[in-house]
Amino acid sequence: MIPPSIRFDRIEVSNILDMNYVGINDVLLNWSPLMAESNTSVIVGYFMNWVAIQKDGRAQNASPTIVRSILRRVVDKTMVSILT
């Protein structure tokens, strides 16, 4: 059991970000409480099955709608301002 006072700057979650494993929402829900309150804390993982869900596996081929949606979520979650 991890004591409640322990917090981490980096947590590596491997490919459990894939929806057929745990998924992004559940990874963030369960691991984010263990993150240190720092601008540099990060959860690191990868999408092993990206090729199966993204046309030819290239992020640049994602539709503009998907890219806007993802960027909006990042901005909303991190309170980052984007200069337009």
N, C-alpha and C. Protein backbone atom coordinates (compact mmCIF):
# COMPACT_ATOMS: atom_id res chain seq x y z
N MET A 1 0.85 -1.19 0.00
CA MET A 1 0.00 0.00 0.00
C MET A 1 0.89 1.24 0.00
N ILE A 2 0.57 2.19 -0.86
CA ILE A 2 1.32 3.44 -0.95
C ILE A 2 0.75 4.42 0.06
N PRO A 3 1.59 4.99 0.93
CA PRO A 3 1.10 5.97 1.90
C PRO A 3 0.45 7.16 1.18
N PRO A 4 -0.60 7.74 1.75
CA PRO A 4 -1.30 8.86 1.10
C PRO A 4 -0.42 10.08 0.83
N SER A 5 0.68 10.20 1.53
CA SER A 5 1.54 11.37 1.35
C SER A 5 2.49 11.24 0.15
N ILE A 6 2.61 10.05 -0.42
CA ILE A 6 3.52 9.83 -1.55
C ILE A 6 2.90 10.36 -2.84
N ARG A 7 3.67 11.14 -3.60
CA ARG A 7 3.25 11.65 -4.90
C ARG A 7 4.40 11.47 -5.88
N PHE A 8 4.08 11.32 -7.14
CA PHE A 8 5.08 11.02 -8.17
C PHE A 8 5.13 12.11 -9.23
N ASP A 9 6.33 12.37 -9.73
CA ASP A 9 6.51 13.31 -10.84
C ASP A 9 6.29 12.63 -12.18
N ARG A 10 6.59 11.34 -12.24
CA ARG A 10 6.41 10.57 -13.48
C ARG A 10 5.76 9.24 -13.14
N ILE A 11 4.76 8.89 -13.93
CA ILE A 11 4.14 7.57 -13.83
C ILE A 11 4.07 7.01 -15.25
N GLU A 12 4.66 5.84 -15.46
CA GLU A 12 4.65 5.20 -16.78
C GLU A 12 3.60 4.10 -16.75
N VAL A 13 2.62 4.20 -17.66
CA VAL A 13 1.49 3.27 -17.65
C VAL A 13 1.49 2.29 -18.83
N SER A 14 2.55 2.30 -19.61
CA SER A 14 2.68 1.39 -20.74
C SER A 14 1.52 1.59 -21.72
N ASN A 15 0.95 0.49 -22.22
CA ASN A 15 -0.12 0.60 -23.22
C ASN A 15 -1.51 0.39 -22.63
N ILE A 16 -1.66 0.53 -21.32
CA ILE A 16 -3.01 0.39 -20.76
C ILE A 16 -3.91 1.56 -21.14
N LEU A 17 -3.36 2.56 -21.83
CA LEU A 17 -4.17 3.67 -22.35
C LEU A 17 -5.12 3.19 -23.45
N ASP A 18 -4.77 2.11 -24.12
CA ASP A 18 -5.63 1.57 -25.18
C ASP A 18 -7.00 1.21 -24.61
N MET A 19 -8.05 1.48 -25.40
CA MET A 19 -9.42 1.22 -24.95
C MET A 19 -9.68 -0.26 -24.68
N ASN A 20 -8.99 -1.17 -25.36
CA ASN A 20 -9.22 -2.59 -25.12
C ASN A 20 -8.50 -3.07 -23.86
N TYR A 21 -7.79 -2.18 -23.17
CA TYR A 21 -7.20 -2.49 -21.87
C TYR A 21 -7.94 -1.66 -20.81
N VAL A 22 -7.37 -0.57 -20.36
CA VAL A 22 -8.00 0.25 -19.32
C VAL A 22 -8.66 1.48 -19.93
N GLY A 23 -8.00 2.13 -20.87
CA GLY A 23 -8.54 3.33 -21.50
C GLY A 23 -8.05 4.61 -20.83
N ILE A 24 -8.06 5.69 -21.60
CA ILE A 24 -7.55 6.98 -21.12
C ILE A 24 -8.28 7.46 -19.88
N ASN A 25 -9.60 7.47 -19.93
CA ASN A 25 -10.37 8.02 -18.81
C ASN A 25 -10.08 7.30 -17.50
N ASP A 26 -10.08 5.98 -17.52
CA ASP A 26 -9.84 5.23 -16.28
C ASP A 26 -8.39 5.34 -15.81
N VAL A 27 -7.45 5.41 -16.76
CA VAL A 27 -6.05 5.60 -16.36
C VAL A 27 -5.91 6.94 -15.64
N LEU A 28 -6.45 7.99 -16.22
CA LEU A 28 -6.34 9.32 -15.59
C LEU A 28 -7.10 9.37 -14.27
N LEU A 29 -8.27 8.76 -14.22
CA LEU A 29 -9.06 8.75 -12.99
C LEU A 29 -8.32 8.05 -11.86
N ASN A 30 -7.68 6.93 -12.15
CA ASN A 30 -7.04 6.14 -11.11
C ASN A 30 -5.61 6.56 -10.78
N TRP A 31 -4.88 7.08 -11.74
CA TRP A 31 -3.48 7.41 -11.51
C TRP A 31 -3.24 8.88 -11.18
N SER A 32 -4.07 9.78 -11.67
CA SER A 32 -3.82 11.20 -11.45
C SER A 32 -3.81 11.62 -9.97
N PRO A 33 -4.56 10.97 -9.08
CA PRO A 33 -4.45 11.35 -7.66
C PRO A 33 -3.06 11.11 -7.07
N LEU A 34 -2.25 10.29 -7.72
CA LEU A 34 -0.90 10.01 -7.23
C LEU A 34 0.15 10.97 -7.78
N MET A 35 -0.29 11.90 -8.64
CA MET A 35 0.64 12.84 -9.26
C MET A 35 0.99 13.98 -8.32
N ALA A 36 2.25 14.39 -8.36
CA ALA A 36 2.70 15.56 -7.61
C ALA A 36 2.06 16.80 -8.23
N GLU A 37 1.79 17.79 -7.40
CA GLU A 37 1.24 19.04 -7.93
C GLU A 37 2.40 19.89 -8.44
N SER A 38 2.69 19.69 -9.72
CA SER A 38 3.84 20.34 -10.35
C SER A 38 3.53 20.55 -11.83
N ASN A 39 4.09 21.57 -12.40
CA ASN A 39 3.92 21.82 -13.83
C ASN A 39 4.64 20.79 -14.69
N THR A 40 5.51 20.02 -14.09
CA THR A 40 6.29 19.05 -14.85
C THR A 40 5.90 17.60 -14.59
N SER A 41 4.90 17.36 -13.76
CA SER A 41 4.44 15.99 -13.51
C SER A 41 3.73 15.46 -14.75
N VAL A 42 3.93 14.16 -15.02
CA VAL A 42 3.38 13.62 -16.26
C VAL A 42 3.08 12.13 -16.11
N ILE A 43 2.03 11.71 -16.80
CA ILE A 43 1.73 10.30 -16.97
C ILE A 43 2.17 9.95 -18.38
N VAL A 44 3.04 8.95 -18.51
CA VAL A 44 3.59 8.57 -19.80
C VAL A 44 3.06 7.21 -20.21
N GLY A 45 2.57 7.11 -21.42
CA GLY A 45 2.09 5.83 -21.93
C GLY A 45 2.09 5.86 -23.44
N TYR A 46 1.63 4.80 -24.03
CA TYR A 46 1.56 4.75 -25.48
C TYR A 46 0.35 3.93 -25.91
N PHE A 47 -0.05 4.13 -27.13
CA PHE A 47 -1.19 3.43 -27.71
C PHE A 47 -0.67 2.36 -28.66
N MET A 48 -0.52 1.16 -28.15
CA MET A 48 0.00 0.06 -28.95
C MET A 48 -0.93 -0.26 -30.12
N ASN A 49 -2.21 -0.07 -29.93
CA ASN A 49 -3.20 -0.42 -30.95
C ASN A 49 -3.64 0.78 -31.79
N TRP A 50 -2.84 1.85 -31.79
CA TRP A 50 -3.18 3.06 -32.54
C TRP A 50 -3.47 2.75 -34.01
N VAL A 51 -2.68 1.90 -34.61
CA VAL A 51 -2.84 1.57 -36.02
C VAL A 51 -4.23 1.01 -36.30
N ALA A 52 -4.77 0.25 -35.36
CA ALA A 52 -6.09 -0.35 -35.56
C ALA A 52 -7.22 0.68 -35.51
N ILE A 53 -7.00 1.81 -34.82
CA ILE A 53 -8.09 2.79 -34.69
C ILE A 53 -7.87 4.05 -35.53
N GLN A 54 -6.65 4.28 -35.98
CA GLN A 54 -6.34 5.47 -36.77
C GLN A 54 -5.91 5.06 -38.17
N LYS A 55 -6.54 5.64 -39.17
CA LYS A 55 -6.20 5.32 -40.56
C LYS A 55 -4.69 5.37 -40.76
N ASP A 56 -4.11 4.30 -41.17
CA ASP A 56 -2.70 4.05 -41.43
C ASP A 56 -1.78 4.38 -40.25
N GLY A 57 -2.36 4.62 -39.07
CA GLY A 57 -1.57 4.81 -37.86
C GLY A 57 -0.88 6.15 -37.73
N ARG A 58 -1.14 7.08 -38.62
CA ARG A 58 -0.46 8.37 -38.59
C ARG A 58 -1.36 9.44 -37.98
N ALA A 59 -0.85 10.12 -36.97
CA ALA A 59 -1.62 11.16 -36.30
C ALA A 59 -2.00 12.28 -37.28
N GLN A 60 -1.11 12.57 -38.24
CA GLN A 60 -1.41 13.66 -39.17
C GLN A 60 -2.61 13.36 -40.07
N ASN A 61 -3.04 12.10 -40.13
CA ASN A 61 -4.21 11.76 -40.94
C ASN A 61 -5.52 11.78 -40.14
N ALA A 62 -5.44 12.16 -38.88
CA ALA A 62 -6.67 12.30 -38.09
C ALA A 62 -7.47 13.46 -38.66
N SER A 63 -8.77 13.36 -38.61
CA SER A 63 -9.61 14.41 -39.18
C SER A 63 -9.44 15.71 -38.39
N PRO A 64 -9.65 16.86 -39.05
CA PRO A 64 -9.55 18.15 -38.35
C PRO A 64 -10.49 18.23 -37.15
N THR A 65 -11.63 17.59 -37.24
CA THR A 65 -12.59 17.60 -36.13
C THR A 65 -12.00 16.90 -34.92
N ILE A 66 -11.35 15.77 -35.13
CA ILE A 66 -10.72 15.03 -34.04
C ILE A 66 -9.57 15.84 -33.44
N VAL A 67 -8.74 16.43 -34.29
CA VAL A 67 -7.61 17.22 -33.81
C VAL A 67 -8.11 18.40 -32.97
N ARG A 68 -9.13 19.12 -33.44
CA ARG A 68 -9.68 20.25 -32.67
C ARG A 68 -10.23 19.77 -31.33
N SER A 69 -10.93 18.66 -31.35
CA SER A 69 -11.51 18.12 -30.12
C SER A 69 -10.43 17.78 -29.10
N ILE A 70 -9.37 17.13 -29.55
CA ILE A 70 -8.27 16.75 -28.65
C ILE A 70 -7.56 17.99 -28.11
N LEU A 71 -7.28 18.94 -28.98
CA LEU A 71 -6.61 20.17 -28.53
C LEU A 71 -7.48 20.94 -27.54
N ARG A 72 -8.77 20.99 -27.77
CA ARG A 72 -9.68 21.69 -26.85
C ARG A 72 -9.64 21.02 -25.48
N ARG A 73 -9.63 19.69 -25.46
CA ARG A 73 -9.58 18.96 -24.19
C ARG A 73 -8.27 19.24 -23.45
N VAL A 74 -7.16 19.29 -24.19
CA VAL A 74 -5.87 19.59 -23.57
C VAL A 74 -5.90 20.98 -22.97
N VAL A 75 -6.39 21.95 -23.73
CA VAL A 75 -6.45 23.32 -23.24
C VAL A 75 -7.35 23.41 -22.02
N ASP A 76 -8.52 22.80 -22.08
CA ASP A 76 -9.45 22.84 -20.95
C ASP A 76 -8.87 22.20 -19.70
N LYS A 77 -8.18 21.08 -19.87
CA LYS A 77 -7.64 20.34 -18.72
C LYS A 77 -6.40 21.00 -18.13
N THR A 78 -5.62 21.68 -18.95
CA THR A 78 -4.36 22.23 -18.46
C THR A 78 -4.41 23.73 -18.29
N MET A 79 -5.49 24.34 -18.68
CA MET A 79 -5.66 25.79 -18.60
C MET A 79 -4.56 26.53 -19.34
N VAL A 80 -4.17 25.96 -20.46
CA VAL A 80 -3.16 26.59 -21.31
C VAL A 80 -3.88 27.53 -22.28
N SER A 81 -3.34 28.73 -22.47
CA SER A 81 -3.92 29.63 -23.46
C SER A 81 -3.21 29.43 -24.79
N ILE A 82 -4.01 29.43 -25.81
CA ILE A 82 -3.45 29.32 -27.16
C ILE A 82 -3.66 30.67 -27.84
N LEU A 83 -2.56 31.22 -28.32
CA LEU A 83 -2.65 32.50 -29.04
C LEU A 83 -3.08 32.23 -30.46
N THR A 84 -4.11 32.94 -30.91
CA THR A 84 -4.58 32.73 -32.28
C THR A 84 -4.29 33.94 -33.14
